[in-house]
Amino acid sequence: MVAWGIYSFKKLPIDALPDITNNQVTVMTNAPTVAAQEVESFITNPLEIAMSNLPDVKEIRSISRSGLSVITVVFDDKVETYKARQLVAEKIKQAEGEIPNGIGKPEMGPLTTGLGEIYQYTIHSKKGYEGKYSAQDLRTIQDWIVRRQLAGVPGITEVSAWGGELKQYEVSIDPSRLNAMDVTITEVFEALHDGNENTGGAYIEKGPNVSFIRGIGMVTSKDDIEKIVIKTRNNIPVLIRDVGKVIFGSATRYGAITRNGEGEVVAGITLMLKGENSSKVIKNVKLRMEEIQRSLPEGIVIDPYIERSALVKRAIGTVQQNLIEGGLIVIFVLVILLGNLRAGLLVASVIPLALLFAIAMMNLFGVSGNLMSLGAIDFGLIVDGAVIIIEATLHHIRSRSKLFVGSKLTQAQMDEEVYVSATKIRSSAAFGEIIIMIVYLPILALVGIEGKMFGPMAQTVAFAILGALILSLTYGIGFVFKQEDRL
């Protein structure tokens, strides 16, 4: 039991609180040029109608804002997460035909929960390098170095970023040159779209060799954009550089991130995959962050400002302190009340053994260790059965000592005395422990948020009491069988 319990403890998911998020799938659509009324009519409404026919759906709610549509589909908890996402993906495909072209493309949100924000950080210049890196440089480092190296960390479903300036290529059109070349804005858009792709042209056979034909048209620099042909005028190609200038710019900004009043920084957040062990995932993220830090340009640092492991440590530290203090008090009281040091220590030893049994069962049934589950363990309830049996055995032996003063029991006589005393009281002790477990059955019957919050508590207590029941039937009685008391 000790070996099994220690092994299970290393595998047990540890978190600060139980995850009470319902089984939901989020569908988001970005439509930057569309007002809230059109977002509701052309995006949200068709998607809601398509989602309304999904099976086992408890609730559908939506938000329509200027440039953004968010639909949340809440499924019954019995629906498997990936099945729910597959059903939603099928309905998105169905609704896309009713959404006008170019207005926006619906996408599902990441597979995470409300407790998935486990690690948040900022990217900034350290002292002595202020002003060397612009807000655009910091955002580029986040998107092309940090984020790409964080991708693939076990347990991470997405890495998001905000702040800084999102780098982009911009074509600044000169209206006078546009009119002089007889070119319209629409033609410029079409040329930029069609002139940024690679195409294939089958192959050419040359004896035993085959040469594959490729049309290279994907732009990689400002010069490539400037050389894109808009149209031919008097047999002379009109290029992008003939009607405007290509420059580096940034996307429209709606906010900024600052740090300690020292200027702009870029922030990032890692989202944990639903159902993962947060402690293990944070450890993986920290290890990867150490590698990423070594690959950053000189003067750039990553500074975490929200880290779930700190919260987990405080929560588990609270549980650990309560368990240790509660255990010591129970041991002290047991030794005094039983009036026998060996008997008191014997009963007290049931506490860690029952706790290890409970941890093993938690790992087996997928119950995470958190403030609600581990903090609910009551040592007084755990040692109840062992106290009854040991105290009854001691009382029986002491009452017999009045009849046989000065004699010493043989091993067979000791076995018989313990067997008789334990048999008489065993049913009463068992019924007492079973009654305590029955008290928690209504909690196990809770559903929804209440069930997710208090269910782990009831399961953990039931596991611990079950372990104490088994120990009182085997370990406790067996230990007493091997004692040699003088009568």
Foldseek 3Di string as FASTA:
>chain_A
DVVLLVVLVVVFFFAAAFFQFAQKKKKKKFQQQAAQVCCVVQPVVLLVVLVVPDPQWDDWDWDGGRRMIMIMTGGHRVDDNVVVVVSSVVSLVVSVVRHDPPRIRMDIDWQFGPPFFAWKKWKDFDPPCPPVAALQRQVCCCVPQVQVLLPPQPFFGHKDKDAGFDKDKDWFFDVVLCVVVVHDPVLLVVQLVVQADKDWDQWDDDDPDIGTDIRDRHDDDQVSQQAGFSDADPNRTDGSVSGTHMDMDGDDDDDHDDDPPPDGIMMMTTGGRPLDRSVVSLVSVVVSQVVSQVVDPPRMDMGIDGHRVVSSCVFVVVLVVCLVVQLVVQLVVQCVVLVHNVLSVLLSVLVVQLLSQLSSVCSVVVNHDHNQASVLAHSVLLSQLLSQLSSQLVVQVVVVCVVPPPAWDDLVRQLVSSVVSNVVCLVVSVVVLVVVLVVLVVLCVDDRSSNSRNVSNSSSNNSSSVSSNVCSVPVSSVVSSPDIDGD
